Amino acid sequence: LEYFNINTLGNATDFGDLVKSVQMMAAYGSHTRGIWHAGKDPGALNDIQSVELHSLGNAADFGDATVSRGEMAQGLANRTRGLGAGGTTPGSYSDVVDYITIATAGNASDFGDLDAARASAGGWGSSIRAFSAGGVAPSQIDIIAAGFFQSRGNWSDWGDLTAGRNNAAAVNSSSRGIIAGGEPSQNVIDYVDITSLGDSADFG
């Protein structure tokens, strides 16, 4: 684990270590806690790991995901709840969405299902909704799916990206989600209004 102060230029510094080595996990957090949800090493894992953001140190075991999988959508959290959506299990793609309460360590619970199985989607969360954009299963997907953090249930189609992609990086504000890059290799940036249904548009 490494950290840096986002208000000051400079190199990253050692924060501590994960409980176990892992790749291709979902990552999200609140103002006080960082979470890494499942992942691969090299097989699918169900471990959820956490750190306290304001104190340096090693990660701790938080609990277990409902299903072992890697390559989930990234960054699906609001201040209270974090989600692990989609991903890969041995030999298949997953439509599973599970959730945790970030402030309380424990195992994940079933939230519902994505509109379709997918892995390696870009993801973000507002205070109300969670979004999974793009992905692969096994070809690239252009669908944006959305669910409500406080209402467990299956997700629905929100709109489409300008092009199918997976392994893209996504960020958001309270009103806009932005997804950039991805496979097949591209420099396209899309944005979507996360307050109203609709397709994404070119950002730059």
N, C-alpha and C. Protein backbone atom coordinates (compact mmCIF):
# COMPACT_ATOMS: atom_id res chain seq x y z
N LEU A 1 0.85 -1.19 0.00
CA LEU A 1 0.00 0.00 0.00
C LEU A 1 0.88 1.23 0.00
N GLU A 2 0.52 2.22 -0.83
CA GLU A 2 1.21 3.51 -0.88
C GLU A 2 0.18 4.62 -0.75
N TYR A 3 0.63 5.79 -0.29
CA TYR A 3 -0.26 6.93 -0.21
C TYR A 3 0.50 8.20 -0.58
N PHE A 4 -0.26 9.23 -0.96
CA PHE A 4 0.30 10.56 -1.16
C PHE A 4 -0.75 11.59 -0.80
N ASN A 5 -0.30 12.79 -0.48
CA ASN A 5 -1.18 13.90 -0.16
C ASN A 5 -1.62 14.55 -1.45
N ILE A 6 -2.91 14.55 -1.77
CA ILE A 6 -3.38 15.07 -3.05
C ILE A 6 -3.37 16.59 -3.11
N ASN A 7 -3.04 17.25 -2.02
CA ASN A 7 -2.91 18.71 -2.02
C ASN A 7 -1.49 19.18 -2.23
N THR A 8 -0.53 18.25 -2.27
CA THR A 8 0.88 18.61 -2.33
C THR A 8 1.60 17.73 -3.34
N LEU A 9 2.37 18.33 -4.24
CA LEU A 9 3.18 17.56 -5.17
C LEU A 9 4.19 16.72 -4.40
N GLY A 10 4.48 15.52 -4.93
CA GLY A 10 5.49 14.69 -4.28
C GLY A 10 5.25 13.22 -4.56
N ASN A 11 6.25 12.41 -4.26
CA ASN A 11 6.17 10.98 -4.49
C ASN A 11 5.29 10.29 -3.46
N ALA A 12 4.83 9.11 -3.81
CA ALA A 12 4.07 8.29 -2.87
C ALA A 12 5.00 7.77 -1.77
N THR A 13 4.39 7.44 -0.62
CA THR A 13 5.10 6.94 0.55
C THR A 13 4.45 5.64 1.00
N ASP A 14 5.24 4.77 1.64
CA ASP A 14 4.71 3.49 2.11
C ASP A 14 3.64 3.70 3.17
N PHE A 15 2.51 3.01 3.01
CA PHE A 15 1.40 3.08 3.96
C PHE A 15 1.35 1.84 4.85
N GLY A 16 1.65 0.69 4.28
CA GLY A 16 1.58 -0.60 4.96
C GLY A 16 1.41 -1.69 3.92
N ASP A 17 0.93 -2.84 4.33
CA ASP A 17 0.77 -3.98 3.43
C ASP A 17 -0.65 -4.52 3.48
N LEU A 18 -1.11 -5.08 2.35
CA LEU A 18 -2.36 -5.83 2.34
C LEU A 18 -2.21 -7.11 3.17
N VAL A 19 -3.33 -7.67 3.57
CA VAL A 19 -3.32 -8.95 4.28
C VAL A 19 -2.73 -10.04 3.39
N LYS A 20 -3.07 -10.02 2.09
CA LYS A 20 -2.50 -10.97 1.13
C LYS A 20 -2.36 -10.28 -0.21
N SER A 21 -1.45 -10.79 -1.03
CA SER A 21 -1.23 -10.25 -2.36
C SER A 21 -2.48 -10.50 -3.21
N VAL A 22 -2.86 -9.50 -4.00
CA VAL A 22 -4.09 -9.62 -4.79
C VAL A 22 -4.02 -8.67 -5.97
N GLN A 23 -4.68 -9.00 -7.05
CA GLN A 23 -4.79 -8.13 -8.22
C GLN A 23 -6.24 -8.14 -8.70
N MET A 24 -6.58 -7.15 -9.55
CA MET A 24 -7.88 -7.10 -10.22
C MET A 24 -9.04 -7.12 -9.23
N MET A 25 -8.93 -6.37 -8.13
CA MET A 25 -10.02 -6.28 -7.16
C MET A 25 -10.79 -4.99 -7.36
N ALA A 26 -11.99 -4.93 -6.79
CA ALA A 26 -12.72 -3.67 -6.72
C ALA A 26 -12.17 -2.85 -5.56
N ALA A 27 -12.12 -1.53 -5.72
CA ALA A 27 -11.60 -0.66 -4.67
C ALA A 27 -12.53 0.52 -4.49
N TYR A 28 -12.82 0.85 -3.24
CA TYR A 28 -13.70 1.97 -2.93
C TYR A 28 -13.48 2.37 -1.48
N GLY A 29 -14.18 3.39 -1.02
CA GLY A 29 -14.02 3.78 0.37
C GLY A 29 -14.98 4.87 0.79
N SER A 30 -14.92 5.20 2.08
CA SER A 30 -15.64 6.32 2.66
C SER A 30 -14.61 7.39 3.02
N HIS A 31 -15.00 8.38 3.81
CA HIS A 31 -14.05 9.39 4.25
C HIS A 31 -13.03 8.83 5.23
N THR A 32 -13.32 7.70 5.85
CA THR A 32 -12.44 7.18 6.90
C THR A 32 -11.84 5.83 6.61
N ARG A 33 -12.40 5.06 5.69
CA ARG A 33 -11.96 3.69 5.48
C ARG A 33 -11.83 3.38 4.00
N GLY A 34 -10.75 2.68 3.65
CA GLY A 34 -10.53 2.17 2.30
C GLY A 34 -10.78 0.68 2.25
N ILE A 35 -11.39 0.20 1.16
CA ILE A 35 -11.78 -1.20 1.02
C ILE A 35 -11.26 -1.78 -0.29
N TRP A 36 -10.78 -3.02 -0.24
CA TRP A 36 -10.47 -3.80 -1.44
C TRP A 36 -11.31 -5.06 -1.40
N HIS A 37 -12.11 -5.26 -2.45
CA HIS A 37 -13.19 -6.25 -2.47
C HIS A 37 -12.82 -7.37 -3.42
N ALA A 38 -12.59 -8.58 -2.89
CA ALA A 38 -12.28 -9.79 -3.66
C ALA A 38 -11.03 -9.59 -4.52
N GLY A 39 -10.98 -10.16 -5.74
CA GLY A 39 -9.80 -10.06 -6.59
C GLY A 39 -9.29 -11.43 -7.01
N LYS A 40 -8.04 -11.46 -7.53
CA LYS A 40 -7.45 -12.69 -8.05
C LYS A 40 -6.00 -12.81 -7.58
N ASP A 41 -5.54 -14.08 -7.40
CA ASP A 41 -4.12 -14.32 -7.05
C ASP A 41 -3.72 -15.78 -7.20
N PRO A 42 -3.61 -16.39 -8.39
CA PRO A 42 -4.22 -15.92 -9.62
C PRO A 42 -5.68 -16.32 -9.74
N GLY A 43 -6.13 -17.26 -8.91
CA GLY A 43 -7.52 -17.66 -8.92
C GLY A 43 -8.40 -16.65 -8.21
N ALA A 44 -9.70 -16.74 -8.39
CA ALA A 44 -10.64 -15.80 -7.79
C ALA A 44 -10.64 -15.93 -6.27
N LEU A 45 -10.72 -14.79 -5.58
CA LEU A 45 -10.72 -14.71 -4.12
C LEU A 45 -12.03 -14.12 -3.63
N ASN A 46 -12.35 -14.36 -2.35
CA ASN A 46 -13.53 -13.73 -1.76
C ASN A 46 -13.17 -12.80 -0.60
N ASP A 47 -11.87 -12.55 -0.39
CA ASP A 47 -11.44 -11.72 0.73
C ASP A 47 -11.80 -10.25 0.54
N ILE A 48 -12.26 -9.61 1.60
CA ILE A 48 -12.43 -8.16 1.64
C ILE A 48 -11.45 -7.62 2.67
N GLN A 49 -10.62 -6.64 2.26
CA GLN A 49 -9.59 -6.07 3.12
C GLN A 49 -9.86 -4.58 3.31
N SER A 50 -9.42 -4.04 4.46
CA SER A 50 -9.69 -2.63 4.75
C SER A 50 -8.52 -1.97 5.46
N VAL A 51 -8.46 -0.65 5.33
CA VAL A 51 -7.52 0.17 6.11
C VAL A 51 -8.26 1.39 6.66
N GLU A 52 -7.73 1.94 7.75
CA GLU A 52 -8.20 3.22 8.27
C GLU A 52 -7.36 4.30 7.59
N LEU A 53 -8.00 5.19 6.84
CA LEU A 53 -7.27 6.10 5.97
C LEU A 53 -6.40 7.10 6.73
N HIS A 54 -6.74 7.42 7.97
CA HIS A 54 -6.03 8.47 8.70
C HIS A 54 -4.89 7.94 9.56
N SER A 55 -4.64 6.62 9.55
CA SER A 55 -3.54 6.08 10.34
C SER A 55 -2.79 5.04 9.52
N LEU A 56 -1.49 5.22 9.36
CA LEU A 56 -0.68 4.29 8.60
C LEU A 56 -0.70 2.92 9.25
N GLY A 57 -0.60 1.89 8.42
CA GLY A 57 -0.56 0.54 8.97
C GLY A 57 -1.03 -0.48 7.95
N ASN A 58 -0.92 -1.74 8.32
CA ASN A 58 -1.31 -2.80 7.42
C ASN A 58 -2.83 -2.93 7.33
N ALA A 59 -3.30 -3.49 6.22
CA ALA A 59 -4.72 -3.76 6.06
C ALA A 59 -5.16 -4.84 7.03
N ALA A 60 -6.46 -4.87 7.28
CA ALA A 60 -7.06 -5.88 8.14
C ALA A 60 -8.11 -6.65 7.35
N ASP A 61 -8.40 -7.87 7.80
CA ASP A 61 -9.48 -8.65 7.21
C ASP A 61 -10.81 -8.02 7.58
N PHE A 62 -11.63 -7.68 6.59
CA PHE A 62 -12.93 -7.05 6.82
C PHE A 62 -14.05 -8.08 6.85
N GLY A 63 -13.94 -9.09 6.01
CA GLY A 63 -14.96 -10.11 5.87
C GLY A 63 -14.81 -10.80 4.53
N ASP A 64 -15.84 -11.45 4.07
CA ASP A 64 -15.79 -12.19 2.81
C ASP A 64 -16.89 -11.73 1.86
N ALA A 65 -16.57 -11.72 0.57
CA ALA A 65 -17.57 -11.49 -0.46
C ALA A 65 -18.50 -12.70 -0.56
N THR A 66 -19.68 -12.52 -1.16
CA THR A 66 -20.61 -13.63 -1.29
C THR A 66 -20.13 -14.67 -2.29
N VAL A 67 -19.32 -14.23 -3.27
CA VAL A 67 -18.81 -15.12 -4.31
C VAL A 67 -17.36 -14.74 -4.60
N SER A 68 -16.48 -15.72 -4.75
CA SER A 68 -15.10 -15.44 -5.15
C SER A 68 -15.07 -14.98 -6.59
N ARG A 69 -14.46 -13.82 -6.85
CA ARG A 69 -14.35 -13.34 -8.21
C ARG A 69 -13.38 -12.17 -8.29
N GLY A 70 -12.87 -11.93 -9.48
CA GLY A 70 -12.00 -10.81 -9.75
C GLY A 70 -12.55 -9.98 -10.89
N GLU A 71 -11.86 -8.90 -11.22
CA GLU A 71 -12.19 -8.05 -12.37
C GLU A 71 -13.59 -7.44 -12.26
N MET A 72 -13.95 -7.00 -11.07
CA MET A 72 -15.26 -6.37 -10.87
C MET A 72 -15.22 -4.90 -11.28
N ALA A 73 -16.41 -4.28 -11.30
CA ALA A 73 -16.49 -2.84 -11.53
C ALA A 73 -15.82 -2.11 -10.38
N GLN A 74 -15.25 -0.95 -10.67
CA GLN A 74 -14.47 -0.19 -9.70
C GLN A 74 -15.28 0.92 -9.05
N GLY A 75 -14.95 1.23 -7.78
CA GLY A 75 -15.38 2.47 -7.15
C GLY A 75 -16.85 2.60 -6.86
N LEU A 76 -17.56 1.51 -6.56
CA LEU A 76 -19.00 1.58 -6.34
C LEU A 76 -19.28 1.75 -4.85
N ALA A 77 -19.36 3.00 -4.41
CA ALA A 77 -19.61 3.27 -3.00
C ALA A 77 -20.19 4.66 -2.83
N ASN A 78 -21.02 4.81 -1.78
CA ASN A 78 -21.33 6.13 -1.26
C ASN A 78 -20.72 6.19 0.13
N ARG A 79 -21.12 7.08 0.99
CA ARG A 79 -20.45 7.20 2.28
C ARG A 79 -20.73 6.04 3.23
N THR A 80 -21.77 5.27 2.97
CA THR A 80 -22.16 4.23 3.91
C THR A 80 -22.06 2.82 3.36
N ARG A 81 -22.24 2.63 2.07
CA ARG A 81 -22.35 1.29 1.50
C ARG A 81 -21.42 1.12 0.31
N GLY A 82 -20.73 -0.02 0.24
CA GLY A 82 -19.88 -0.36 -0.89
C GLY A 82 -20.38 -1.61 -1.58
N LEU A 83 -20.21 -1.67 -2.90
CA LEU A 83 -20.73 -2.78 -3.70
C LEU A 83 -19.61 -3.45 -4.50
N GLY A 84 -19.71 -4.76 -4.62
CA GLY A 84 -18.88 -5.52 -5.54
C GLY A 84 -19.76 -6.03 -6.66
N ALA A 85 -19.53 -5.58 -7.90
CA ALA A 85 -20.46 -5.86 -9.00
C ALA A 85 -19.76 -6.58 -10.15
N GLY A 86 -20.38 -7.67 -10.61
CA GLY A 86 -19.87 -8.39 -11.77
C GLY A 86 -18.56 -9.08 -11.48
N GLY A 87 -17.76 -9.27 -12.55
CA GLY A 87 -16.45 -9.89 -12.43
C GLY A 87 -16.38 -11.24 -13.09
N THR A 88 -15.30 -11.94 -12.80
CA THR A 88 -15.08 -13.28 -13.34
C THR A 88 -14.96 -14.29 -12.21
N THR A 89 -15.58 -15.43 -12.40
CA THR A 89 -15.39 -16.60 -11.57
C THR A 89 -14.74 -17.66 -12.46
N PRO A 90 -14.20 -18.72 -11.89
CA PRO A 90 -13.53 -19.70 -12.76
C PRO A 90 -14.43 -20.17 -13.91
N GLY A 91 -14.04 -19.83 -15.13
CA GLY A 91 -14.73 -20.29 -16.32
C GLY A 91 -15.95 -19.52 -16.74
N SER A 92 -16.28 -18.41 -16.04
CA SER A 92 -17.50 -17.70 -16.42
C SER A 92 -17.44 -16.24 -15.99
N TYR A 93 -18.37 -15.46 -16.54
CA TYR A 93 -18.58 -14.08 -16.13
C TYR A 93 -19.74 -14.03 -15.15
N SER A 94 -19.71 -13.04 -14.25
CA SER A 94 -20.67 -12.98 -13.16
C SER A 94 -21.58 -11.76 -13.28
N ASP A 95 -22.85 -11.93 -12.85
CA ASP A 95 -23.76 -10.80 -12.74
C ASP A 95 -24.07 -10.46 -11.28
N VAL A 96 -23.34 -11.07 -10.34
CA VAL A 96 -23.58 -10.90 -8.91
C VAL A 96 -23.23 -9.48 -8.45
N VAL A 97 -24.09 -8.90 -7.64
CA VAL A 97 -23.78 -7.67 -6.91
C VAL A 97 -23.95 -7.97 -5.43
N ASP A 98 -22.88 -7.76 -4.63
CA ASP A 98 -23.01 -7.87 -3.18
C ASP A 98 -22.61 -6.56 -2.54
N TYR A 99 -22.93 -6.41 -1.25
CA TYR A 99 -22.68 -5.12 -0.60
C TYR A 99 -22.19 -5.30 0.82
N ILE A 100 -21.50 -4.27 1.30
CA ILE A 100 -21.10 -4.18 2.70
C ILE A 100 -21.51 -2.82 3.23
N THR A 101 -21.62 -2.71 4.55
CA THR A 101 -21.70 -1.43 5.23
C THR A 101 -20.28 -1.06 5.62
N ILE A 102 -19.74 0.02 5.05
CA ILE A 102 -18.31 0.32 5.17
C ILE A 102 -17.88 0.52 6.62
N ALA A 103 -18.73 1.07 7.45
CA ALA A 103 -18.36 1.37 8.83
C ALA A 103 -18.34 0.15 9.73
N THR A 104 -18.90 -0.98 9.28
CA THR A 104 -19.04 -2.15 10.13
C THR A 104 -18.43 -3.36 9.45
N ALA A 105 -17.34 -3.89 10.01
CA ALA A 105 -16.69 -5.05 9.43
C ALA A 105 -17.64 -6.25 9.46
N GLY A 106 -17.58 -7.06 8.42
CA GLY A 106 -18.43 -8.25 8.33
C GLY A 106 -18.51 -8.73 6.91
N ASN A 107 -19.14 -9.87 6.71
CA ASN A 107 -19.27 -10.44 5.38
C ASN A 107 -20.23 -9.64 4.52
N ALA A 108 -20.02 -9.69 3.21
CA ALA A 108 -20.93 -9.06 2.27
C ALA A 108 -22.25 -9.82 2.21
N SER A 109 -23.30 -9.13 1.78
CA SER A 109 -24.62 -9.71 1.60
C SER A 109 -25.06 -9.52 0.15
N ASP A 110 -26.02 -10.33 -0.28
CA ASP A 110 -26.52 -10.23 -1.65
C ASP A 110 -27.29 -8.93 -1.84
N PHE A 111 -27.00 -8.22 -2.93
CA PHE A 111 -27.67 -6.96 -3.25
C PHE A 111 -28.68 -7.14 -4.38
N GLY A 112 -28.32 -7.97 -5.36
CA GLY A 112 -29.15 -8.18 -6.55
C GLY A 112 -28.25 -8.59 -7.70
N ASP A 113 -28.70 -8.42 -8.92
CA ASP A 113 -27.93 -8.80 -10.09
C ASP A 113 -27.81 -7.63 -11.07
N LEU A 114 -26.69 -7.61 -11.79
CA LEU A 114 -26.55 -6.69 -12.91
C LEU A 114 -27.57 -7.03 -13.99
N ASP A 115 -27.75 -6.13 -14.95
CA ASP A 115 -28.62 -6.39 -16.08
C ASP A 115 -28.12 -7.57 -16.91
N ALA A 116 -26.78 -7.80 -16.88
CA ALA A 116 -26.17 -8.92 -17.59
C ALA A 116 -24.79 -9.17 -16.99
N ALA A 117 -24.30 -10.40 -17.10
CA ALA A 117 -22.97 -10.72 -16.60
C ALA A 117 -21.92 -9.90 -17.35
N ARG A 118 -20.91 -9.43 -16.62
CA ARG A 118 -19.83 -8.65 -17.22
C ARG A 118 -18.66 -8.57 -16.27
N ALA A 119 -17.48 -8.29 -16.82
CA ALA A 119 -16.27 -8.09 -16.02
C ALA A 119 -15.56 -6.84 -16.50
N SER A 120 -14.65 -6.34 -15.66
CA SER A 120 -13.75 -5.24 -16.00
C SER A 120 -14.49 -3.99 -16.44
N ALA A 121 -15.61 -3.68 -15.77
CA ALA A 121 -16.38 -2.48 -16.08
C ALA A 121 -15.80 -1.28 -15.33
N GLY A 122 -16.00 -0.08 -15.90
CA GLY A 122 -15.75 1.14 -15.16
C GLY A 122 -16.92 1.37 -14.21
N GLY A 123 -16.66 1.93 -13.06
CA GLY A 123 -17.74 2.13 -12.11
C GLY A 123 -17.57 3.36 -11.25
N TRP A 124 -18.69 3.88 -10.77
CA TRP A 124 -18.66 5.01 -9.85
C TRP A 124 -19.96 5.04 -9.07
N GLY A 125 -19.99 5.85 -8.02
CA GLY A 125 -21.19 5.98 -7.22
C GLY A 125 -21.44 7.41 -6.83
N SER A 126 -22.69 7.83 -6.89
CA SER A 126 -23.12 9.10 -6.32
C SER A 126 -23.66 8.81 -4.92
N SER A 127 -24.26 9.77 -4.27
CA SER A 127 -24.83 9.50 -2.96
C SER A 127 -26.04 8.58 -3.05
N ILE A 128 -26.65 8.50 -4.24
CA ILE A 128 -27.90 7.74 -4.41
C ILE A 128 -27.71 6.50 -5.27
N ARG A 129 -27.00 6.63 -6.40
CA ARG A 129 -26.94 5.55 -7.39
C ARG A 129 -25.52 5.01 -7.55
N ALA A 130 -25.45 3.75 -7.95
CA ALA A 130 -24.21 3.11 -8.36
C ALA A 130 -24.30 2.78 -9.85
N PHE A 131 -23.17 2.94 -10.56
CA PHE A 131 -23.14 2.73 -12.01
C PHE A 131 -22.02 1.76 -12.38
N SER A 132 -22.33 0.87 -13.32
CA SER A 132 -21.36 -0.02 -13.93
C SER A 132 -21.40 0.24 -15.43
N ALA A 133 -20.29 0.70 -15.99
CA ALA A 133 -20.27 1.16 -17.39
C ALA A 133 -19.30 0.33 -18.21
N GLY A 134 -19.80 -0.21 -19.32
CA GLY A 134 -18.96 -0.99 -20.21
C GLY A 134 -18.63 -2.35 -19.61
N GLY A 135 -17.48 -2.87 -19.98
CA GLY A 135 -17.04 -4.17 -19.52
C GLY A 135 -16.86 -5.14 -20.67
N VAL A 136 -16.74 -6.42 -20.32
CA VAL A 136 -16.48 -7.44 -21.33
C VAL A 136 -17.17 -8.73 -20.91
N ALA A 137 -17.71 -9.51 -21.90
CA ALA A 137 -18.37 -10.78 -21.56
C ALA A 137 -18.70 -11.64 -22.78
N PRO A 138 -17.79 -12.12 -23.63
CA PRO A 138 -16.36 -11.82 -23.62
C PRO A 138 -15.99 -10.65 -24.54
N SER A 139 -16.93 -10.16 -25.39
CA SER A 139 -16.64 -8.99 -26.21
C SER A 139 -16.98 -7.73 -25.42
N GLN A 140 -16.48 -6.56 -25.91
CA GLN A 140 -16.69 -5.31 -25.20
C GLN A 140 -18.17 -4.92 -25.16
N ILE A 141 -18.60 -4.34 -24.06
CA ILE A 141 -19.98 -3.95 -23.81
C ILE A 141 -20.06 -2.44 -23.76
N ASP A 142 -21.16 -1.86 -24.29
CA ASP A 142 -21.33 -0.41 -24.25
C ASP A 142 -22.44 0.03 -23.28
N ILE A 143 -23.04 -0.91 -22.58
CA ILE A 143 -24.19 -0.59 -21.71
C ILE A 143 -23.73 0.02 -20.39
N ILE A 144 -24.47 1.02 -19.92
CA ILE A 144 -24.32 1.57 -18.58
C ILE A 144 -25.50 1.06 -17.75
N ALA A 145 -25.20 0.33 -16.67
CA ALA A 145 -26.24 -0.18 -15.78
C ALA A 145 -26.20 0.59 -14.46
N ALA A 146 -27.37 0.72 -13.81
CA ALA A 146 -27.44 1.50 -12.58
C ALA A 146 -28.34 0.82 -11.57
N GLY A 147 -28.00 1.01 -10.28
CA GLY A 147 -28.82 0.55 -9.18
C GLY A 147 -28.85 1.60 -8.09
N PHE A 148 -29.76 1.47 -7.14
CA PHE A 148 -29.88 2.40 -6.03
C PHE A 148 -29.19 1.82 -4.80
N PHE A 149 -28.30 2.59 -4.17
CA PHE A 149 -27.54 2.09 -3.03
C PHE A 149 -28.45 1.60 -1.90
N GLN A 150 -29.51 2.32 -1.61
CA GLN A 150 -30.31 2.00 -0.44
C GLN A 150 -31.43 1.02 -0.72
N SER A 151 -31.64 0.64 -1.99
CA SER A 151 -32.72 -0.29 -2.34
C SER A 151 -32.12 -1.50 -3.02
N ARG A 152 -31.99 -2.58 -2.29
CA ARG A 152 -31.46 -3.79 -2.89
C ARG A 152 -32.39 -4.27 -4.00
N GLY A 153 -31.79 -4.82 -5.06
CA GLY A 153 -32.57 -5.30 -6.19
C GLY A 153 -31.72 -5.35 -7.44
N ASN A 154 -32.30 -5.82 -8.52
CA ASN A 154 -31.58 -5.94 -9.78
C ASN A 154 -31.38 -4.57 -10.43
N TRP A 155 -30.33 -4.47 -11.24
CA TRP A 155 -29.96 -3.22 -11.89
C TRP A 155 -30.66 -3.10 -13.24
N SER A 156 -30.75 -1.89 -13.74
CA SER A 156 -31.42 -1.64 -15.02
C SER A 156 -30.52 -0.84 -15.95
N ASP A 157 -30.88 -0.87 -17.22
CA ASP A 157 -30.13 -0.16 -18.27
C ASP A 157 -30.34 1.34 -18.11
N TRP A 158 -29.24 2.11 -18.00
CA TRP A 158 -29.29 3.57 -17.84
C TRP A 158 -29.11 4.28 -19.18
N GLY A 159 -28.28 3.68 -20.06
CA GLY A 159 -27.95 4.26 -21.35
C GLY A 159 -26.75 3.53 -21.93
N ASP A 160 -26.14 4.09 -22.94
CA ASP A 160 -25.00 3.46 -23.60
C ASP A 160 -23.81 4.40 -23.64
N LEU A 161 -22.61 3.81 -23.60
CA LEU A 161 -21.38 4.54 -23.89
C LEU A 161 -21.31 4.83 -25.38
N THR A 162 -20.40 5.74 -25.78
CA THR A 162 -20.23 6.02 -27.20
C THR A 162 -19.63 4.83 -27.94
N ALA A 163 -18.93 3.94 -27.19
CA ALA A 163 -18.36 2.73 -27.79
C ALA A 163 -18.12 1.73 -26.67
N GLY A 164 -18.19 0.43 -27.02
CA GLY A 164 -17.90 -0.60 -26.04
C GLY A 164 -16.45 -0.54 -25.59
N ARG A 165 -16.21 -0.83 -24.32
CA ARG A 165 -14.85 -0.81 -23.78
C ARG A 165 -14.83 -1.54 -22.44
N ASN A 166 -13.66 -2.03 -22.07
CA ASN A 166 -13.45 -2.59 -20.75
C ASN A 166 -12.13 -2.08 -20.19
N ASN A 167 -11.92 -2.25 -18.90
CA ASN A 167 -10.72 -1.75 -18.22
C ASN A 167 -10.52 -0.25 -18.39
N ALA A 168 -11.63 0.48 -18.46
CA ALA A 168 -11.56 1.95 -18.49
C ALA A 168 -11.56 2.48 -17.06
N ALA A 169 -11.07 3.70 -16.89
CA ALA A 169 -11.01 4.34 -15.58
C ALA A 169 -12.16 5.34 -15.46
N ALA A 170 -12.86 5.30 -14.34
CA ALA A 170 -14.05 6.15 -14.16
C ALA A 170 -13.92 7.00 -12.90
N VAL A 171 -14.41 8.24 -12.99
CA VAL A 171 -14.48 9.15 -11.85
C VAL A 171 -15.83 9.87 -11.92
N ASN A 172 -16.17 10.57 -10.84
CA ASN A 172 -17.45 11.26 -10.86
C ASN A 172 -17.49 12.43 -9.89
N SER A 173 -18.41 13.34 -10.15
CA SER A 173 -18.82 14.35 -9.20
C SER A 173 -20.22 13.98 -8.74
N SER A 174 -20.92 14.89 -8.07
CA SER A 174 -22.28 14.60 -7.63
C SER A 174 -23.27 14.59 -8.78
N SER A 175 -22.87 15.11 -9.95
CA SER A 175 -23.82 15.21 -11.06
C SER A 175 -23.36 14.54 -12.35
N ARG A 176 -22.09 14.24 -12.45
CA ARG A 176 -21.56 13.74 -13.73
C ARG A 176 -20.59 12.60 -13.50
N GLY A 177 -20.73 11.53 -14.30
CA GLY A 177 -19.76 10.45 -14.33
C GLY A 177 -18.92 10.54 -15.59
N ILE A 178 -17.63 10.26 -15.46
CA ILE A 178 -16.69 10.35 -16.59
C ILE A 178 -15.91 9.05 -16.66
N ILE A 179 -15.80 8.50 -17.87
CA ILE A 179 -15.07 7.25 -18.07
C ILE A 179 -14.08 7.46 -19.20
N ALA A 180 -12.82 7.05 -18.98
CA ALA A 180 -11.74 7.39 -19.90
C ALA A 180 -10.91 6.17 -20.27
N GLY A 181 -10.47 6.14 -21.55
CA GLY A 181 -9.59 5.09 -22.01
C GLY A 181 -10.27 3.74 -22.07
N GLY A 182 -9.48 2.68 -21.92
CA GLY A 182 -10.00 1.33 -21.92
C GLY A 182 -9.51 0.51 -23.10
N GLU A 183 -9.94 -0.73 -23.11
CA GLU A 183 -9.63 -1.65 -24.20
C GLU A 183 -10.86 -1.81 -25.10
N PRO A 184 -10.70 -1.91 -26.43
CA PRO A 184 -9.44 -1.81 -27.14
C PRO A 184 -8.80 -0.43 -26.94
N SER A 185 -7.47 -0.39 -26.94
CA SER A 185 -6.73 0.80 -26.54
C SER A 185 -7.26 2.06 -27.20
N GLN A 186 -7.62 3.06 -26.38
CA GLN A 186 -8.24 4.27 -26.89
C GLN A 186 -8.01 5.43 -25.92
N ASN A 187 -8.17 6.64 -26.44
CA ASN A 187 -8.01 7.83 -25.60
C ASN A 187 -9.33 8.57 -25.39
N VAL A 188 -10.44 7.94 -25.75
CA VAL A 188 -11.75 8.58 -25.68
C VAL A 188 -12.18 8.78 -24.23
N ILE A 189 -12.76 9.95 -23.93
CA ILE A 189 -13.39 10.24 -22.65
C ILE A 189 -14.87 10.47 -22.89
N ASP A 190 -15.72 9.74 -22.18
CA ASP A 190 -17.17 9.90 -22.23
C ASP A 190 -17.66 10.51 -20.91
N TYR A 191 -18.80 11.18 -20.94
CA TYR A 191 -19.44 11.59 -19.70
C TYR A 191 -20.93 11.31 -19.77
N VAL A 192 -21.54 11.18 -18.59
CA VAL A 192 -22.97 10.91 -18.49
C VAL A 192 -23.53 11.73 -17.34
N ASP A 193 -24.73 12.21 -17.50
CA ASP A 193 -25.45 12.91 -16.43
C ASP A 193 -26.02 11.86 -15.50
N ILE A 194 -25.56 11.80 -14.25
CA ILE A 194 -25.99 10.74 -13.36
C ILE A 194 -27.29 11.09 -12.62
N THR A 195 -27.92 12.19 -13.01
CA THR A 195 -29.22 12.54 -12.44
C THR A 195 -30.38 12.23 -13.36
N SER A 196 -30.08 11.86 -14.63
CA SER A 196 -31.17 11.57 -15.57
C SER A 196 -30.76 10.49 -16.56
N LEU A 197 -31.66 9.61 -16.90
CA LEU A 197 -31.40 8.52 -17.84
C LEU A 197 -30.93 9.09 -19.17
N GLY A 198 -30.02 8.35 -19.80
CA GLY A 198 -29.57 8.77 -21.13
C GLY A 198 -28.21 8.22 -21.47
N ASP A 199 -27.86 8.29 -22.76
CA ASP A 199 -26.57 7.82 -23.24
C ASP A 199 -25.48 8.80 -22.85
N SER A 200 -24.24 8.29 -22.87
CA SER A 200 -23.09 9.16 -22.63
C SER A 200 -22.81 10.01 -23.87
N ALA A 201 -21.99 11.03 -23.70
CA ALA A 201 -21.57 11.90 -24.79
C ALA A 201 -20.07 12.08 -24.72
N ASP A 202 -19.48 12.49 -25.85
CA ASP A 202 -18.04 12.70 -25.91
C ASP A 202 -17.63 13.90 -25.05
N PHE A 203 -16.63 13.71 -24.21
CA PHE A 203 -16.11 14.76 -23.32
C PHE A 203 -14.86 15.41 -23.91
N GLY A 204 -14.03 14.56 -24.56
CA GLY A 204 -12.76 15.02 -25.12
C GLY A 204 -11.82 13.84 -25.29
